[in-house]
Protein backbone atom coordinates (compact mmCIF):
# COMPACT_ATOMS: atom_id res chain seq x y z
CA UNK A 1 -26.59 -15.94 145.72
CA UNK A 2 -22.89 -15.91 146.38
CA UNK A 3 -20.78 -12.98 145.25
CA UNK A 4 -19.03 -13.41 141.96
CA UNK A 5 -15.31 -12.55 142.56
CA UNK A 6 -13.24 -11.36 139.60
CA UNK A 7 -9.75 -12.19 141.07
CA UNK A 8 -6.44 -11.04 139.58
CA UNK A 9 -3.65 -12.53 141.75
CA UNK A 10 -0.57 -11.53 139.72
CA UNK A 11 -1.95 -9.32 136.82
CA UNK A 12 0.03 -8.37 133.82
CA UNK A 13 -1.27 -4.80 134.15
CA UNK A 14 -3.12 -2.73 136.79
CA UNK A 15 -3.60 0.96 136.14
CA UNK A 16 -5.98 3.87 136.67
CA UNK A 17 -6.80 5.76 133.45
CA UNK A 18 -9.54 7.99 132.02
CA UNK A 19 -11.84 8.19 129.03
CA UNK A 20 -13.02 11.66 127.95
CA UNK A 21 -11.78 15.24 128.14
CA UNK A 22 -10.83 17.10 131.35
CA UNK A 23 -14.01 18.07 133.13
CA UNK A 24 -15.94 15.22 131.67
CA UNK A 25 -13.50 12.32 132.29
CA UNK A 26 -14.48 8.85 133.57
CA UNK A 27 -11.85 7.27 135.68
CA UNK A 28 -11.34 3.48 135.55
CA UNK A 29 -9.37 0.95 137.50
CA UNK A 30 -8.34 -1.45 134.75
CA UNK A 31 -6.67 -4.78 135.31
CA UNK A 32 -5.58 -7.40 132.82
CA UNK A 33 -4.16 -10.89 133.23
CA UNK A 34 -3.55 -12.44 129.80
CA UNK A 35 -6.70 -12.14 127.77
CA UNK A 36 -8.83 -11.65 130.87
CA UNK A 37 -9.55 -8.05 131.91
CA UNK A 38 -11.84 -5.99 134.04
CA UNK A 39 -12.55 -2.23 134.37
CA UNK A 40 -14.23 -0.65 137.33
CA UNK A 41 -15.46 2.97 137.08
CA UNK A 42 -14.16 5.24 139.87
CA UNK A 43 -14.77 8.78 141.00
CA UNK A 44 -11.86 11.12 140.70
CA UNK A 45 -11.62 11.37 144.45
CA UNK A 46 -11.61 7.56 144.84
CA UNK A 47 -8.66 7.36 142.49
CA UNK A 48 -6.76 10.06 144.25
CA UNK A 49 -7.28 8.50 147.73
CA UNK A 50 -6.41 5.04 146.42
CA UNK A 51 -3.03 6.45 145.13
CA UNK A 52 -2.42 8.19 148.43
CA UNK A 53 -3.20 5.16 150.56
CA UNK A 54 -1.15 2.82 148.47
CA UNK A 55 1.90 5.04 148.98
CA UNK A 56 1.13 5.28 152.63
CA UNK A 57 1.12 1.45 153.00
CA UNK A 58 4.35 1.19 150.99
CA UNK A 59 6.14 3.98 153.02
CA UNK A 60 5.07 2.34 156.27
CA UNK A 61 6.47 -0.98 155.09
CA UNK A 62 9.77 0.69 154.27
CA UNK A 63 10.29 1.96 157.85
CA UNK A 64 8.78 -1.15 159.58
CA UNK A 65 11.62 -3.00 161.34
CA UNK A 66 9.71 -6.30 161.07
CA UNK A 67 9.20 -6.08 157.28
CA UNK A 68 11.44 -8.53 155.45
CA UNK A 69 10.39 -7.29 152.00
CA UNK A 70 12.26 -4.84 149.83
CA UNK A 71 9.99 -1.96 149.05
CA UNK A 72 11.06 0.64 146.52
CA UNK A 73 11.08 4.23 147.59
CA UNK A 74 10.49 5.42 144.10
CA UNK A 75 8.87 3.88 140.98
CA UNK A 76 11.24 1.39 139.36
CA UNK A 77 11.80 2.69 135.76
CA UNK A 78 10.97 -0.74 134.15
CA UNK A 79 7.50 -0.71 135.79
CA UNK A 80 6.43 2.74 134.51
CA UNK A 81 3.28 2.32 132.49
CA UNK A 82 2.19 5.52 130.62
CA UNK A 83 0.16 3.70 127.98
CA UNK A 84 -3.55 4.57 127.62
CA UNK A 85 -6.31 2.34 128.81
CA UNK A 86 -6.83 -0.78 126.68
CA UNK A 87 -9.84 -0.38 124.41
CA UNK A 88 -12.60 -1.09 124.38
CA UNK A 89 -13.11 -0.19 128.09
CA UNK A 90 -15.95 -2.47 129.19
CA UNK A 91 -17.12 -1.28 132.62
CA UNK A 92 -17.78 -4.24 135.06
CA UNK A 93 -19.47 -1.78 137.55
CA UNK A 94 -19.15 1.59 139.22
CA UNK A 95 -17.26 1.37 142.48
CA UNK A 96 -19.19 2.20 145.59
CA UNK A 97 -16.68 0.99 148.13
CA UNK A 98 -12.97 0.20 147.84
CA UNK A 99 -10.84 -1.78 150.39
CA UNK A 100 -7.03 -1.60 150.47
CA UNK A 101 -4.65 -3.81 152.40
CA UNK A 102 -1.38 -5.70 152.56
CA UNK A 103 -0.94 -9.50 152.32
CA UNK A 104 2.39 -10.39 153.94
CA UNK A 105 2.08 -13.99 152.84
CA UNK A 106 2.48 -12.97 149.16
CA UNK A 107 4.05 -9.48 149.63
CA UNK A 108 1.28 -7.89 147.70
CA UNK A 109 -0.95 -4.89 147.90
CA UNK A 110 -4.63 -5.92 147.77
CA UNK A 111 -7.50 -3.88 146.35
CA UNK A 112 -11.04 -4.92 146.63
CA UNK A 113 -13.67 -2.98 144.63
CA UNK A 114 -17.36 -3.33 145.30
CA UNK A 115 -20.19 -2.00 143.19
CA UNK A 116 -22.17 1.08 144.04
CA UNK A 117 -25.39 -0.01 145.67
CA UNK A 118 -28.53 2.02 145.01
CA UNK A 119 -30.81 2.57 147.97
CA UNK A 120 -34.44 3.22 147.56
CA UNK A 121 -35.73 6.38 149.23
CA UNK A 122 -39.39 7.03 149.78
CA UNK A 123 -40.60 10.65 149.81
CA UNK A 124 -43.87 11.13 151.60
CA UNK A 125 -46.71 13.44 150.51
CA UNK A 126 -45.56 15.82 153.26
CA UNK A 127 -42.01 15.95 151.84
CA UNK A 128 -40.62 13.61 154.56
CA UNK A 129 -37.94 11.13 153.42
CA UNK A 130 -37.79 7.55 154.60
CA UNK A 131 -34.76 5.39 154.13
CA UNK A 132 -34.46 1.72 155.28
CA UNK A 133 -31.37 2.13 157.56
CA UNK A 134 -30.65 -1.68 157.40
CA UNK A 135 -30.15 -1.31 153.60
CA UNK A 136 -27.30 1.15 154.29
CA UNK A 137 -25.39 -1.38 156.49
CA UNK A 138 -22.63 -2.90 154.26
CA UNK A 139 -22.51 -6.04 156.48
CA UNK A 140 -26.14 -6.69 155.53
CA UNK A 141 -25.67 -6.33 151.83
CA UNK A 142 -24.04 -9.05 149.74
CA UNK A 143 -22.79 -7.62 146.46
CA UNK A 144 -23.47 -9.47 143.21
CA UNK A 145 -19.86 -9.17 142.19
CA UNK A 146 -16.54 -7.66 143.23
CA UNK A 147 -13.08 -7.19 141.72
CA UNK A 148 -10.04 -8.39 143.80
CA UNK A 149 -6.59 -7.36 142.69
CA UNK A 150 -3.30 -8.50 144.22
CA UNK A 151 -0.07 -7.01 142.91
CA UNK A 152 3.55 -6.63 144.12
CA UNK A 153 5.17 -3.62 145.75
CA UNK A 154 7.12 -2.36 142.75
CA UNK A 155 4.01 -2.47 140.57
CA UNK A 156 2.03 -0.85 143.47
CA UNK A 157 4.53 2.12 143.59
CA UNK A 158 4.16 2.56 139.81
CA UNK A 159 0.38 2.34 140.11
CA UNK A 160 0.28 5.12 142.73
CA UNK A 161 2.69 7.38 140.67
CA UNK A 162 0.59 6.97 137.53
CA UNK A 163 -2.72 7.43 139.34
CA UNK A 164 -1.56 10.72 140.93
CA UNK A 165 -0.42 11.94 137.48
CA UNK A 166 -3.82 10.95 135.80
CA UNK A 167 -5.72 12.77 138.58
CA UNK A 168 -3.53 15.92 138.31
CA UNK A 169 -3.94 16.06 134.53
CA UNK A 170 -7.54 17.17 134.79
CA UNK A 171 -8.99 20.59 135.50
CA UNK A 172 -7.12 22.88 137.92
CA UNK A 173 -8.46 22.91 141.46
CA UNK A 174 -11.43 25.24 141.83
CA UNK A 175 -12.27 25.15 138.12
CA UNK A 176 -15.87 23.95 138.11
CA UNK A 177 -16.60 24.68 134.51
C-alpha cells in the first residue's frame, strides 16, 4: 500500500509546542494550512535537534557564495509566533524518524516526519533475544503515512527560535524528577 503523504507546501503555521507540565510534557510539531492541520508527537531531543539543524542550514546558506536567496540572520519580528498550540491537538502519529533538507527550487526548508515503527522482539526460554534485522532497515519498511512540510527561510528562522525556547522552558538540565 502506498504511503499517505500529508503535505503542507506553504503552511499558514508551523511550530513546535507542548501539552502538559514540565517533566510530563508532550512535544508536537504542529502544522496548519487553512482548515487542514496535522500534529506529530516528538521527543524533546528530536525537537531540540530539529531547531539546531534548521539554524545550521540557514547559517550555511547565509555564507554560501552561490546562494541567491536572502536568509535572515535573526528572526523577523513579524514572524514571531508565541501562541500556544491550536486545540484540540490531534496526534497524527509519534515521530520515529525526521528528515531535514533544503529545496533551492522553492527556497524552502523541508521537514519529513515518519512514524515510529514498532519492531517485534522474541525472547527465548533461555533469555536470548531475537530481532529480525531486516525489519530494522528503513529502506525495507514503507510507512503507512508521513508528514511533509515545506516553509520559507524567515518562517524557518522563527520556527527554530521558538523551538529552542520551548525546549528550554522545561526542567533544568539534570533534573530527573
